[in-house]
């Protein structure tokens, strides 16, 4: 069985989406979250990191988009 793509961090999380789009308030909140939870972030960020191989503060490279 194939693993489903973790869509929350990528499409629905206000903080992560805003930070990746360049919003400075979201970026500050995300940086705090990454310091608290670790480099991969919250549970949805960890799932995104496992699936795509990039942390929540990084864009998904085009070749890794599924």
Protein backbone atom coordinates (compact mmCIF):
# COMPACT_ATOMS: atom_id res chain seq x y z
CA UNK A 1 0.00 0.00 0.00
CA UNK A 2 1.33 3.47 -0.86
CA UNK A 3 1.57 6.18 1.75
CA UNK A 4 -0.85 9.11 1.39
CA UNK A 5 0.67 12.54 0.97
CA UNK A 6 0.52 14.63 4.17
CA UNK A 7 -1.56 17.56 2.97
CA UNK A 8 -2.24 19.51 6.18
CA UNK A 9 1.18 21.19 6.49
CA UNK A 10 1.39 21.81 2.76
CA UNK A 11 -2.12 23.11 2.02
CA UNK A 12 -4.04 23.95 5.19
CA UNK A 13 -1.65 25.07 7.95
CA UNK A 14 -1.91 28.85 8.17
CA UNK A 15 1.50 29.17 9.83
CA UNK A 16 3.51 26.96 7.47
CA UNK A 17 1.82 28.14 4.29
CA UNK A 18 2.24 31.76 5.32
CA UNK A 19 5.89 31.28 6.31
CA UNK A 20 6.76 29.60 3.02
CA UNK A 21 4.98 32.45 1.19
CA UNK A 22 7.18 35.00 2.99
CA UNK A 23 4.81 36.39 5.65
CA UNK A 24 7.13 37.68 8.42
CA UNK A 25 4.65 37.03 11.26
CA UNK A 26 4.08 33.44 10.14
CA UNK A 27 7.83 32.98 9.69
CA UNK A 28 8.46 34.15 13.28
CA UNK A 29 5.78 31.78 14.62
CA UNK A 30 7.18 28.91 12.54
CA UNK A 31 10.74 29.58 13.76
CA UNK A 32 9.49 29.44 17.36
CA UNK A 33 7.62 26.20 16.60
CA UNK A 34 10.76 24.66 15.03
CA UNK A 35 12.77 25.58 18.14
CA UNK A 36 10.18 24.00 20.43
CA UNK A 37 9.44 20.82 18.45
CA UNK A 38 12.77 20.34 16.68
CA UNK A 39 13.99 20.75 13.11
CA UNK A 40 11.04 18.89 11.59
CA UNK A 41 8.36 20.83 13.49
CA UNK A 42 5.00 19.56 14.68
CA UNK A 43 3.47 16.16 13.85
CA UNK A 44 2.25 17.38 10.45
CA UNK A 45 5.66 18.90 9.68
CA UNK A 46 7.33 15.61 10.61
CA UNK A 47 4.99 13.73 8.27
CA UNK A 48 5.79 16.23 5.48
CA UNK A 49 9.54 15.81 6.13
CA UNK A 50 9.27 12.00 5.97
CA UNK A 51 7.19 12.07 2.80
CA UNK A 52 8.89 14.85 0.79
CA UNK A 53 12.32 14.96 2.43
CA UNK A 54 12.16 18.69 3.20
CA UNK A 55 11.44 20.47 6.48
CA UNK A 56 8.27 22.58 6.96
CA UNK A 57 10.14 25.81 6.24
CA UNK A 58 11.38 24.59 2.84
CA UNK A 59 9.55 24.46 -0.48
CA UNK A 60 9.06 21.05 -2.05
CA UNK A 61 11.40 20.66 -5.04
CA UNK A 62 9.43 20.10 -8.29
CA UNK A 63 10.95 16.64 -8.78
CA UNK A 64 9.63 15.51 -5.37
CA UNK A 65 6.05 16.67 -5.86
CA UNK A 66 3.85 13.62 -6.28
